[in-house]
N, C-alpha and C. Protein backbone atom coordinates (compact mmCIF):
# COMPACT_ATOMS: atom_id res chain seq x y z
N MET A 1 -6.43 21.68 -16.54
CA MET A 1 -4.66 21.48 -16.38
C MET A 1 -4.60 20.66 -17.67
N SER A 2 -3.50 21.59 -18.38
CA SER A 2 -3.33 21.38 -19.93
C SER A 2 -1.60 19.69 -19.22
N THR A 3 -1.79 18.90 -20.73
CA THR A 3 -1.33 17.92 -20.50
C THR A 3 0.15 17.91 -20.09
N ASP A 4 0.94 19.05 -20.82
CA ASP A 4 2.10 19.27 -20.27
C ASP A 4 2.15 19.10 -18.80
N GLN A 5 0.97 21.08 -18.38
CA GLN A 5 1.50 21.28 -17.26
C GLN A 5 1.23 19.58 -15.71
N HIS A 6 0.28 18.59 -16.21
CA HIS A 6 0.09 17.64 -15.50
C HIS A 6 1.39 16.67 -15.74
N SER A 7 2.18 16.08 -16.35
CA SER A 7 3.24 15.62 -17.27
C SER A 7 4.23 16.22 -16.13
N VAL A 8 4.15 17.65 -15.49
CA VAL A 8 5.55 17.54 -14.72
C VAL A 8 5.15 17.92 -13.29
N ARG A 9 4.05 17.88 -12.61
CA ARG A 9 2.78 18.15 -11.88
C ARG A 9 3.36 16.12 -11.72
N GLN A 10 3.31 15.76 -12.50
CA GLN A 10 3.09 13.99 -12.22
C GLN A 10 4.58 13.15 -11.89
N HIS A 11 5.23 14.56 -12.66
CA HIS A 11 7.07 14.16 -12.95
C HIS A 11 7.66 14.68 -11.44
N ILE A 12 6.60 15.83 -10.53
CA ILE A 12 7.66 16.05 -9.44
C ILE A 12 6.92 15.01 -8.10
N LEU A 13 5.81 14.60 -8.68
CA LEU A 13 4.95 13.67 -7.18
C LEU A 13 5.70 11.89 -7.62
N ASP A 14 6.32 11.85 -8.97
CA ASP A 14 6.72 10.53 -8.84
C ASP A 14 8.05 10.76 -8.16
N THR A 15 9.23 11.72 -8.55
CA THR A 15 10.57 11.96 -8.39
C THR A 15 10.62 11.90 -7.31
N GLY A 16 9.42 12.79 -6.45
CA GLY A 16 9.34 12.48 -4.28
C GLY A 16 8.94 11.87 -3.75
N LYS A 17 8.51 10.94 -4.47
CA LYS A 17 8.12 9.37 -3.84
C LYS A 17 9.17 8.70 -4.09
N ALA A 18 9.59 8.65 -5.05
CA ALA A 18 10.54 7.47 -4.88
C ALA A 18 11.74 7.66 -3.95
N ILE A 19 12.18 9.38 -3.48
CA ILE A 19 13.47 9.63 -3.14
C ILE A 19 12.95 9.32 -1.72
N ILE A 20 11.38 9.59 -1.27
CA ILE A 20 10.66 9.62 0.05
C ILE A 20 10.58 8.15 0.36
N ALA A 21 10.55 7.65 -0.73
CA ALA A 21 10.60 5.79 -0.71
C ALA A 21 11.51 5.22 0.01
N GLY A 22 12.50 6.25 0.15
CA GLY A 22 13.58 5.50 0.79
C GLY A 22 14.40 6.05 1.77
N LYS A 23 13.65 7.49 2.20
CA LYS A 23 14.94 8.35 3.36
C LYS A 23 13.42 8.01 4.08
N GLY A 24 12.41 8.53 3.52
CA GLY A 24 11.12 9.07 4.76
C GLY A 24 11.13 10.28 4.51
N TYR A 25 9.67 10.79 4.96
CA TYR A 25 9.52 12.33 4.49
C TYR A 25 9.82 13.51 5.36
N SER A 26 10.86 13.37 6.83
CA SER A 26 11.42 14.21 6.92
C SER A 26 12.94 14.56 6.56
N ALA A 27 13.02 13.30 6.53
CA ALA A 27 15.08 13.74 5.65
C ALA A 27 14.96 14.44 4.55
N VAL A 28 13.80 14.43 3.65
CA VAL A 28 14.19 14.46 2.36
C VAL A 28 13.37 15.95 2.79
N GLY A 29 13.79 17.29 1.84
CA GLY A 29 14.21 18.39 1.64
C GLY A 29 13.36 18.67 0.48
N LEU A 30 12.86 19.67 0.02
CA LEU A 30 12.52 19.90 -0.82
C LEU A 30 13.11 20.94 -2.23
N ASN A 31 14.78 20.51 -1.57
CA ASN A 31 15.50 20.96 -2.63
C ASN A 31 16.07 20.06 -3.68
N GLU A 32 16.58 18.99 -2.50
CA GLU A 32 16.47 17.29 -2.68
C GLU A 32 15.36 16.75 -4.19
N ILE A 33 14.23 17.34 -3.58
CA ILE A 33 12.97 16.60 -4.89
C ILE A 33 13.07 17.51 -6.15
N LEU A 34 13.50 18.81 -5.93
CA LEU A 34 14.13 19.83 -7.29
C LEU A 34 15.06 19.24 -8.06
N ALA A 35 15.76 18.98 -6.89
CA ALA A 35 17.75 19.02 -7.84
C ALA A 35 17.17 17.58 -8.80
N ALA A 36 16.91 16.46 -8.02
CA ALA A 36 16.20 14.94 -9.32
C ALA A 36 15.10 15.55 -9.92
N ALA A 37 14.37 16.39 -10.02
CA ALA A 37 13.24 15.97 -10.50
C ALA A 37 14.12 17.36 -12.37
N GLY A 38 15.26 18.32 -11.37
CA GLY A 38 14.98 19.21 -12.77
C GLY A 38 14.06 20.29 -13.28
N VAL A 39 13.72 20.44 -11.58
CA VAL A 39 12.33 21.99 -11.93
C VAL A 39 12.77 23.14 -11.08
N PRO A 40 12.86 24.03 -11.60
CA PRO A 40 12.93 25.52 -10.27
C PRO A 40 11.23 25.34 -9.12
N LYS A 41 12.01 26.01 -8.29
CA LYS A 41 11.28 26.17 -7.16
C LYS A 41 9.69 26.50 -7.35
N GLY A 42 9.82 27.57 -8.13
CA GLY A 42 8.64 28.29 -8.92
C GLY A 42 7.64 27.17 -9.40
N SER A 43 7.87 26.01 -10.11
CA SER A 43 7.51 25.28 -10.99
C SER A 43 7.13 24.80 -9.05
N PHE A 44 7.60 23.96 -8.23
CA PHE A 44 6.94 23.23 -7.12
C PHE A 44 5.52 24.40 -6.85
N TYR A 45 5.57 25.23 -6.44
CA TYR A 45 5.00 25.78 -6.15
C TYR A 45 4.05 26.50 -6.60
N HIS A 46 3.98 26.07 -7.87
CA HIS A 46 2.70 26.31 -9.20
C HIS A 46 1.55 25.37 -8.80
N TYR A 47 2.34 24.08 -8.59
CA TYR A 47 1.39 22.13 -8.72
C TYR A 47 1.09 22.22 -6.60
N PHE A 48 1.65 22.60 -6.28
CA PHE A 48 1.50 22.96 -4.47
C PHE A 48 2.50 23.55 -3.79
N LYS A 49 0.96 24.26 -3.05
CA LYS A 49 1.78 25.42 -1.93
C LYS A 49 2.90 24.93 -0.86
N SER A 50 2.98 24.10 -0.68
CA SER A 50 3.87 23.48 1.04
C SER A 50 4.46 22.00 0.72
N LYS A 51 5.00 22.26 1.03
CA LYS A 51 5.57 20.46 1.44
C LYS A 51 4.69 19.69 1.84
N GLU A 52 3.96 19.82 2.66
CA GLU A 52 2.71 19.11 3.33
C GLU A 52 1.86 18.53 2.38
N LEU A 53 1.68 19.81 1.16
CA LEU A 53 0.29 19.43 0.32
C LEU A 53 0.78 18.60 -0.90
N PHE A 54 2.21 19.07 -0.65
CA PHE A 54 2.68 17.82 -1.58
C PHE A 54 2.57 16.33 -1.34
N GLY A 55 3.40 16.30 -0.35
CA GLY A 55 3.02 14.81 0.40
C GLY A 55 1.57 14.19 0.76
N GLU A 56 0.59 15.09 0.39
CA GLU A 56 -0.87 14.76 0.81
C GLU A 56 -0.94 14.49 -0.82
N ALA A 57 -0.70 14.90 -1.92
CA ALA A 57 -0.74 15.09 -2.88
C ALA A 57 -0.24 13.74 -3.57
N MET A 58 1.00 13.28 -3.32
CA MET A 58 2.23 12.27 -3.78
C MET A 58 1.21 10.75 -2.66
N LEU A 59 0.60 11.20 -1.66
CA LEU A 59 -0.25 9.97 -0.98
C LEU A 59 -1.02 9.18 -1.61
N ASP A 60 -2.12 10.62 -2.38
CA ASP A 60 -3.07 10.22 -3.24
C ASP A 60 -2.96 9.50 -3.87
N ASP A 61 -1.96 10.12 -4.92
CA ASP A 61 -1.65 9.25 -6.49
C ASP A 61 -0.89 8.20 -5.94
N TYR A 62 -0.31 7.62 -4.81
CA TYR A 62 0.52 6.28 -4.61
C TYR A 62 -0.82 5.87 -3.88
N VAL A 63 -1.80 5.77 -3.57
CA VAL A 63 -2.78 5.34 -2.99
C VAL A 63 -3.57 4.72 -4.39
N ASN A 64 -4.02 5.85 -5.40
CA ASN A 64 -4.64 5.39 -6.82
C ASN A 64 -4.35 4.49 -6.95
N ARG A 65 -2.47 4.77 -7.78
CA ARG A 65 -1.94 3.37 -7.80
C ARG A 65 -2.20 2.56 -7.13
N TYR A 66 -2.04 2.12 -6.36
CA TYR A 66 -2.45 0.99 -5.53
C TYR A 66 -3.50 0.38 -5.64
N LEU A 67 -4.66 1.35 -5.69
CA LEU A 67 -5.62 0.60 -5.46
C LEU A 67 -6.21 -0.13 -7.11
N ALA A 68 -5.40 0.45 -7.95
CA ALA A 68 -5.77 0.21 -9.26
C ALA A 68 -5.07 -1.35 -9.52
N GLU A 69 -4.03 -1.26 -8.95
CA GLU A 69 -3.15 -2.69 -8.91
C GLU A 69 -3.87 -3.81 -8.64
N LEU A 70 -4.54 -3.18 -6.44
CA LEU A 70 -5.45 -4.25 -6.06
C LEU A 70 -6.36 -4.79 -7.36
N ASP A 71 -7.25 -3.89 -7.48
CA ASP A 71 -8.09 -3.56 -8.26
C ASP A 71 -7.75 -4.63 -9.56
N ALA A 72 -6.44 -5.42 -10.11
CA ALA A 72 -6.02 -5.62 -11.14
C ALA A 72 -6.16 -7.46 -10.88
N VAL A 73 -5.78 -7.66 -9.40
CA VAL A 73 -5.42 -8.91 -8.92
C VAL A 73 -6.86 -9.51 -8.43
N LEU A 74 -7.44 -8.86 -7.05
CA LEU A 74 -8.48 -9.11 -7.17
C LEU A 74 -9.85 -9.41 -8.04
N ALA A 75 -9.39 -9.00 -9.42
CA ALA A 75 -10.36 -8.67 -10.88
C ALA A 75 -11.29 -10.41 -10.84
N ASP A 76 -12.10 -10.66 -11.17
CA ASP A 76 -12.32 -11.95 -11.38
C ASP A 76 -11.89 -12.50 -12.21
N ASP A 77 -11.23 -13.63 -12.84
CA ASP A 77 -10.68 -14.53 -13.64
C ASP A 77 -11.13 -15.58 -13.69
N GLY A 78 -11.94 -15.81 -13.26
CA GLY A 78 -12.35 -17.16 -13.54
C GLY A 78 -12.13 -18.25 -12.23
N SER A 79 -10.85 -17.68 -11.57
CA SER A 79 -10.53 -18.27 -10.84
C SER A 79 -10.69 -17.61 -9.11
N SER A 80 -10.93 -18.98 -8.02
CA SER A 80 -11.44 -18.67 -7.06
C SER A 80 -11.03 -17.30 -6.10
N ALA A 81 -12.23 -17.11 -5.31
CA ALA A 81 -12.00 -15.72 -4.59
C ALA A 81 -10.81 -15.59 -3.92
N ALA A 82 -11.12 -16.97 -3.29
CA ALA A 82 -9.34 -17.26 -2.56
C ALA A 82 -7.58 -17.70 -2.92
N VAL A 83 -7.97 -18.10 -4.16
CA VAL A 83 -6.74 -18.19 -4.91
C VAL A 83 -6.24 -16.41 -5.28
N ARG A 84 -7.75 -15.37 -5.78
CA ARG A 84 -7.01 -14.10 -5.83
C ARG A 84 -6.74 -13.54 -5.16
N LEU A 85 -7.44 -14.01 -3.48
CA LEU A 85 -6.63 -13.06 -2.28
C LEU A 85 -5.75 -13.16 -1.82
N MET A 86 -5.17 -14.63 -1.94
CA MET A 86 -3.92 -15.14 -1.45
C MET A 86 -2.46 -14.33 -3.13
N ARG A 87 -3.45 -14.51 -3.77
CA ARG A 87 -2.19 -14.03 -4.35
C ARG A 87 -1.99 -12.62 -4.42
N TYR A 88 -2.67 -12.11 -3.94
CA TYR A 88 -2.62 -10.47 -3.39
C TYR A 88 -1.50 -10.34 -2.05
N TRP A 89 -1.81 -11.81 -1.30
CA TRP A 89 -1.16 -11.49 -0.20
C TRP A 89 0.39 -11.77 -0.48
N ASP A 90 0.32 -12.70 -1.51
CA ASP A 90 1.55 -13.61 -2.16
C ASP A 90 2.84 -12.27 -2.71
N SER A 91 1.58 -11.00 -3.30
CA SER A 91 2.91 -10.30 -3.55
C SER A 91 3.84 -9.62 -2.50
N TRP A 92 3.09 -9.24 -0.80
CA TRP A 92 3.68 -9.06 -0.07
C TRP A 92 4.90 -10.17 -0.39
N LEU A 93 5.09 -11.44 -0.15
CA LEU A 93 6.21 -11.70 0.51
C LEU A 93 7.34 -11.49 -0.95
N VAL A 94 7.28 -10.65 -1.84
CA VAL A 94 7.82 -10.16 -2.92
C VAL A 94 8.81 -9.35 -2.50
N LEU A 95 7.78 -8.27 -2.03
CA LEU A 95 8.50 -7.47 -1.21
C LEU A 95 10.28 -7.79 -0.49
N SER A 96 9.47 -9.18 0.72
CA SER A 96 10.53 -9.40 1.56
C SER A 96 12.02 -9.71 0.72
N ASP A 97 11.93 -9.81 -0.62
CA ASP A 97 13.20 -9.72 -1.19
C ASP A 97 14.44 -8.90 -1.58
N ASP A 98 13.70 -7.88 -0.71
CA ASP A 98 13.88 -6.49 -0.99
C ASP A 98 14.94 -6.58 0.67
N ALA A 99 16.08 -5.82 0.67
CA ALA A 99 16.98 -5.91 1.56
C ALA A 99 16.06 -5.03 2.75
N CYS A 100 15.02 -4.00 2.35
CA CYS A 100 14.50 -3.14 3.71
C CYS A 100 13.43 -3.64 3.39
N ALA A 101 12.57 -4.78 3.14
CA ALA A 101 11.04 -4.75 3.16
C ALA A 101 10.13 -3.80 3.29
N GLY A 102 9.32 -3.48 2.60
CA GLY A 102 7.87 -2.93 3.29
C GLY A 102 8.41 -0.98 2.69
N SER A 103 9.80 -0.66 1.81
CA SER A 103 10.05 0.96 1.68
C SER A 103 9.78 1.03 0.42
N LYS A 104 9.02 0.22 -0.08
CA LYS A 104 8.19 -0.03 -1.73
C LYS A 104 6.69 0.54 -1.30
N CYS A 105 6.15 0.21 -0.15
CA CYS A 105 5.13 0.71 0.59
C CYS A 105 5.04 1.73 1.40
N LEU A 106 4.11 3.08 0.88
CA LEU A 106 4.41 4.29 1.50
C LEU A 106 3.56 3.96 2.76
N VAL A 107 2.43 2.99 3.12
CA VAL A 107 1.78 2.80 4.01
C VAL A 107 2.48 2.10 5.45
N VAL A 108 3.69 1.40 4.72
CA VAL A 108 4.20 1.07 6.13
C VAL A 108 6.00 2.17 6.27
N LYS A 109 5.92 2.68 5.28
CA LYS A 109 6.89 3.79 5.49
C LYS A 109 7.19 4.64 6.42
N LEU A 110 5.52 5.33 5.60
CA LEU A 110 5.48 7.10 6.30
C LEU A 110 4.46 6.98 7.49
N SER A 111 3.25 5.62 7.75
CA SER A 111 2.29 5.37 8.80
C SER A 111 2.80 6.35 10.11
N GLY A 112 3.92 5.62 10.41
CA GLY A 112 3.96 6.08 11.35
C GLY A 112 5.11 7.34 11.94
N GLU A 113 5.51 7.86 10.65
CA GLU A 113 6.35 9.30 10.88
C GLU A 113 5.26 10.58 10.66
N VAL A 114 4.14 10.21 9.99
CA VAL A 114 3.02 11.19 9.51
C VAL A 114 2.06 11.18 9.68
N ALA A 115 1.98 10.13 10.88
CA ALA A 115 0.61 10.26 11.87
C ALA A 115 0.56 12.00 12.70
N ASP A 116 1.60 11.84 13.06
CA ASP A 116 1.55 13.04 14.55
C ASP A 116 1.81 14.62 13.27
N MET A 117 2.64 14.37 12.25
CA MET A 117 3.52 14.84 12.22
C MET A 117 1.97 16.02 10.74
N SER A 118 1.77 15.49 10.07
CA SER A 118 0.50 16.42 8.82
C SER A 118 -1.08 15.25 9.58
N GLU A 119 -2.15 16.14 9.41
CA GLU A 119 -3.22 15.91 9.85
C GLU A 119 -3.58 15.22 8.25
N ALA A 120 -3.54 16.36 7.29
CA ALA A 120 -3.91 16.30 5.89
C ALA A 120 -3.15 14.71 5.12
N MET A 121 -1.95 14.34 5.22
CA MET A 121 -0.91 13.58 5.01
C MET A 121 -1.64 11.64 5.80
N ARG A 122 -2.42 12.12 6.91
CA ARG A 122 -2.49 11.11 7.80
C ARG A 122 -4.00 10.81 7.16
N CYS A 123 -4.74 11.60 7.20
CA CYS A 123 -6.26 10.90 6.76
C CYS A 123 -5.86 10.52 4.81
N ALA A 124 -4.99 11.56 4.00
CA ALA A 124 -4.99 10.55 2.99
C ALA A 124 -4.46 8.86 2.99
N LEU A 125 -3.54 8.35 4.24
CA LEU A 125 -3.61 7.08 4.67
C LEU A 125 -4.43 6.82 4.87
N LEU A 126 -5.41 6.70 5.43
CA LEU A 126 -6.35 6.36 6.37
C LEU A 126 -7.19 6.08 5.08
N ARG A 127 -7.80 7.35 4.35
CA ARG A 127 -8.92 7.11 3.65
C ARG A 127 -8.30 5.60 2.50
N GLY A 128 -6.33 5.56 2.05
CA GLY A 128 -6.60 4.80 1.60
C GLY A 128 -6.49 3.52 2.08
N THR A 129 -6.41 3.32 3.41
CA THR A 129 -6.03 1.71 3.87
C THR A 129 -7.48 0.97 4.34
N ASN A 130 -8.48 2.31 4.17
CA ASN A 130 -10.10 1.98 4.18
C ASN A 130 -10.48 1.52 2.94
N HIS A 131 -10.13 2.28 2.00
CA HIS A 131 -10.58 1.79 0.45
C HIS A 131 -9.81 0.27 0.16
N ILE A 132 -8.21 -0.02 0.62
CA ILE A 132 -8.01 -1.49 0.50
C ILE A 132 -8.87 -2.38 1.03
N VAL A 133 -8.98 -1.89 2.97
CA VAL A 133 -9.85 -2.75 3.30
C VAL A 133 -11.29 -3.65 2.64
N GLN A 134 -11.60 -2.64 2.37
CA GLN A 134 -13.23 -2.81 1.48
C GLN A 134 -13.76 -3.45 0.56
N ARG A 135 -12.31 -2.95 -0.29
CA ARG A 135 -12.01 -4.36 -1.17
C ARG A 135 -11.00 -6.03 -0.69
N LEU A 136 -10.87 -6.24 -0.05
CA LEU A 136 -10.31 -7.01 0.43
C LEU A 136 -12.07 -7.59 1.11
N ALA A 137 -12.35 -7.09 1.67
CA ALA A 137 -14.12 -8.02 2.34
C ALA A 137 -15.06 -7.67 1.15
N HIS A 138 -14.69 -7.24 0.09
CA HIS A 138 -15.81 -7.42 -1.72
C HIS A 138 -15.01 -8.77 -1.47
N CYS A 139 -13.66 -9.27 -1.67
CA CYS A 139 -13.21 -10.54 -2.36
C CYS A 139 -13.74 -11.85 -1.31
N ILE A 140 -13.59 -11.46 -0.05
CA ILE A 140 -13.98 -12.16 1.41
C ILE A 140 -15.51 -12.57 1.03
N ALA A 141 -16.24 -11.72 0.73
CA ALA A 141 -17.56 -12.61 0.38
C ALA A 141 -17.93 -13.08 -1.03
N SER A 142 -17.05 -12.72 -1.59
CA SER A 142 -17.33 -13.46 -2.44
C SER A 142 -16.45 -15.20 -2.76
N GLY A 143 -15.38 -15.15 -2.05
CA GLY A 143 -15.23 -16.43 -1.51
C GLY A 143 -16.38 -17.02 -0.46
N HIS A 144 -17.15 -16.38 0.26
CA HIS A 144 -18.42 -17.17 1.22
C HIS A 144 -18.93 -17.43 -0.52
N ALA A 145 -19.46 -16.88 -1.35
CA ALA A 145 -19.98 -17.25 -1.87
C ALA A 145 -19.71 -18.11 -2.93
N ASP A 146 -18.39 -17.99 -3.29
CA ASP A 146 -17.84 -19.58 -3.99
C ASP A 146 -17.50 -20.78 -3.74
N GLY A 147 -17.34 -20.15 -2.30
CA GLY A 147 -17.50 -21.61 -1.26
C GLY A 147 -16.05 -22.36 -0.89
N SER A 148 -14.57 -20.85 -1.89
CA SER A 148 -13.60 -21.18 -1.85
C SER A 148 -13.24 -20.87 0.13
N ILE A 149 -14.07 -19.81 0.21
CA ILE A 149 -13.61 -18.91 1.77
C ILE A 149 -14.27 -20.23 3.20
N ARG A 150 -13.81 -20.40 3.76
CA ARG A 150 -15.06 -21.26 5.17
C ARG A 150 -15.28 -20.20 6.60
N SER A 151 -14.57 -19.10 5.95
CA SER A 151 -14.52 -18.74 7.63
C SER A 151 -15.68 -17.95 8.42
N ALA A 152 -16.39 -18.25 9.10
CA ALA A 152 -17.07 -17.91 10.07
C ALA A 152 -17.00 -16.49 10.06
N VAL A 153 -16.32 -15.83 10.07
CA VAL A 153 -16.12 -14.24 10.24
C VAL A 153 -16.32 -13.06 9.40
N LEU A 154 -17.55 -12.06 9.40
CA LEU A 154 -17.91 -11.18 8.71
C LEU A 154 -17.10 -11.07 7.85
N PRO A 155 -17.31 -10.68 6.66
CA PRO A 155 -15.96 -10.09 5.51
C PRO A 155 -15.20 -8.43 5.64
N GLN A 156 -15.58 -8.08 6.74
CA GLN A 156 -15.21 -6.25 6.81
C GLN A 156 -14.36 -7.26 7.95
N GLU A 157 -15.14 -7.82 8.68
CA GLU A 157 -13.98 -8.23 10.07
C GLU A 157 -12.06 -8.93 9.76
N SER A 158 -13.09 -9.56 8.64
CA SER A 158 -11.48 -10.80 8.14
C SER A 158 -10.82 -9.61 7.31
N ALA A 159 -11.43 -8.86 6.49
CA ALA A 159 -10.29 -7.95 5.98
C ALA A 159 -9.24 -7.32 6.94
N LEU A 160 -10.22 -6.27 7.83
CA LEU A 160 -9.69 -5.72 8.81
C LEU A 160 -8.48 -6.24 9.43
N ALA A 161 -8.30 -7.66 10.53
CA ALA A 161 -7.89 -8.48 10.58
C ALA A 161 -6.49 -8.72 10.14
N LEU A 162 -7.03 -8.85 8.59
CA LEU A 162 -5.66 -9.61 8.12
C LEU A 162 -4.86 -8.59 7.47
N TYR A 163 -5.23 -7.22 7.39
CA TYR A 163 -4.49 -6.09 6.81
C TYR A 163 -4.05 -5.56 7.89
N GLU A 164 -5.10 -5.91 8.97
CA GLU A 164 -4.06 -5.15 10.45
C GLU A 164 -2.51 -5.90 10.85
N MET A 165 -2.90 -7.47 10.08
CA MET A 165 -1.85 -8.35 10.39
C MET A 165 -0.60 -8.61 9.83
N TRP A 166 -1.13 -8.14 8.01
CA TRP A 166 0.14 -8.04 7.59
C TRP A 166 1.06 -6.66 7.64
N LEU A 167 0.65 -5.65 7.98
CA LEU A 167 1.30 -4.00 8.17
C LEU A 167 1.98 -4.54 9.09
N GLY A 168 1.38 -5.32 10.54
CA GLY A 168 2.29 -5.42 10.91
C GLY A 168 3.61 -6.55 11.33
N ALA A 169 3.40 -7.28 10.13
CA ALA A 169 4.14 -8.23 9.38
C ALA A 169 5.51 -7.81 9.17
N ALA A 170 4.49 -6.53 8.22
CA ALA A 170 5.42 -5.97 7.80
C ALA A 170 6.69 -5.12 7.91
N LEU A 171 6.27 -4.44 9.14
CA LEU A 171 7.19 -3.40 10.06
C LEU A 171 7.77 -4.53 10.77
N LEU A 172 7.60 -6.09 11.04
CA LEU A 172 8.52 -6.61 11.46
C LEU A 172 9.69 -6.80 10.36
N THR A 173 9.25 -7.18 9.19
CA THR A 173 10.55 -7.56 8.22
C THR A 173 10.97 -5.95 8.21
N LYS A 174 10.94 -5.33 8.25
CA LYS A 174 11.79 -4.61 8.48
C LYS A 174 12.75 -4.55 9.25
N LEU A 175 12.14 -4.54 10.62
CA LEU A 175 13.19 -4.51 11.72
C LEU A 175 13.65 -6.52 11.61
N ARG A 176 13.76 -7.07 11.05
CA ARG A 176 14.00 -8.47 11.31
C ARG A 176 15.18 -8.30 9.96
N ARG A 177 14.65 -7.52 8.88
CA ARG A 177 16.08 -7.50 7.56
C ARG A 177 15.81 -9.46 7.01
N GLU A 178 14.33 -10.06 7.62
CA GLU A 178 14.58 -11.33 6.92
C GLU A 178 12.64 -11.68 7.13
N PRO A 179 12.09 -12.55 6.23
CA PRO A 179 10.33 -12.66 5.61
C PRO A 179 10.01 -13.93 6.71
N SER A 180 10.37 -13.88 7.75
CA SER A 180 9.66 -14.76 8.73
C SER A 180 8.20 -13.64 9.18
N ALA A 181 8.32 -13.12 9.74
CA ALA A 181 6.55 -12.61 9.92
C ALA A 181 6.02 -12.38 8.78
N LEU A 182 6.17 -11.98 7.33
CA LEU A 182 4.97 -12.85 6.57
C LEU A 182 4.77 -14.21 6.28
N HIS A 183 5.93 -14.70 6.65
CA HIS A 183 5.47 -16.48 6.50
C HIS A 183 4.54 -16.56 7.43
N GLY A 184 4.62 -16.25 8.46
CA GLY A 184 3.84 -16.40 9.61
C GLY A 184 2.37 -15.94 9.37
N ALA A 185 2.30 -14.59 8.93
CA ALA A 185 0.99 -13.78 8.19
C ALA A 185 0.10 -14.87 7.29
N THR A 186 0.92 -15.41 6.36
CA THR A 186 0.33 -16.60 5.66
C THR A 186 -0.45 -17.73 5.85
N ARG A 187 0.07 -17.94 7.11
CA ARG A 187 -0.21 -19.36 7.95
C ARG A 187 -1.57 -18.97 8.81
N ALA A 188 -1.55 -17.43 8.93
CA ALA A 188 -2.27 -17.41 10.17
C ALA A 188 -3.73 -16.72 9.39
N THR A 189 -3.52 -16.41 7.98
CA THR A 189 -4.17 -15.70 6.94
C THR A 189 -4.87 -17.16 6.79
N ARG A 190 -3.92 -18.07 5.93
CA ARG A 190 -4.83 -19.53 5.60
C ARG A 190 -6.14 -20.44 6.97
N THR A 191 -5.39 -19.96 8.33
CA THR A 191 -6.42 -20.50 9.44
C THR A 191 -7.47 -19.62 9.64
N LEU A 192 -7.19 -18.47 9.43
CA LEU A 192 -8.81 -17.28 9.57
C LEU A 192 -9.79 -17.62 8.39
N LEU A 193 -9.58 -18.10 7.15
CA LEU A 193 -9.98 -17.80 6.09
C LEU A 193 -10.69 -19.39 5.99
N GLY A 194 -10.23 -20.17 6.83
CA GLY A 194 -10.82 -21.54 6.40
C GLY A 194 -10.28 -21.86 5.43
N LEU A 195 -8.59 -21.58 5.06
CA LEU A 195 -8.44 -22.47 4.02
C LEU A 195 -7.48 -23.93 4.08
N ALA A 196 -7.46 -24.38 2.87
CA ALA A 196 -6.95 -25.87 2.69
C ALA A 196 -5.39 -25.72 3.22
N GLU A 197 -4.54 -27.12 3.74
CA GLU A 197 -2.93 -26.35 4.22
C GLU A 197 -2.31 -26.41 2.91
N VAL A 198 -2.96 -27.32 1.77
CA VAL A 198 -2.39 -27.14 0.37
C VAL A 198 -2.07 -25.25 -0.23
N PRO A 199 -0.56 -25.24 -0.91
CA PRO A 199 -0.80 -23.90 -1.51
C PRO A 199 -1.66 -23.53 -2.42
N VAL A 200 -2.72 -22.43 -2.62
CA VAL A 200 -3.54 -22.25 -3.31
C VAL A 200 -2.82 -21.55 -4.58
N GLN A 201 -2.51 -21.61 -5.36
CA GLN A 201 -2.46 -21.95 -7.29
C GLN A 201 -2.55 -20.55 -7.97
């Protein structure tokens, strides 16, 4: 694929992702995406054979970018693993400043909607969440090694429990339109990981 072709394909993905993040997958038609992107229908079908395959590609692209950002947050920068891990969860609290917190996260936004609608999109989200949990487990294991995380729970189990809890908290934040569930998740995270009560900087 040439640079120009990749640019057009990425432009369609980025445009569709921005619209779907606000409205959901089912509520957005191809014509709306194409009009916003300023590309003809033929160009869309050149890159994506159907809306479902577009959705799968969009989610794969979103996950890849998310994982790159997560890798940057969790990368060893000289601070303890506990600090790096809590820095990641703190980023979820930033989303609560949005009047519809969680709309920026397509895992929160689309999981319930597409899981029963598209096997390809369900699998794309599942692959993404599995990779996220693996990275969190690695950071927790590093915290065990450097002594900053004192939980006796195995890293993989801790990572999965934490991610499940935070996803649920993000959904409750969307319902309540206030961040109390995320603050509760922060407190529970500290307890599960055996962190000190003082804020992690």
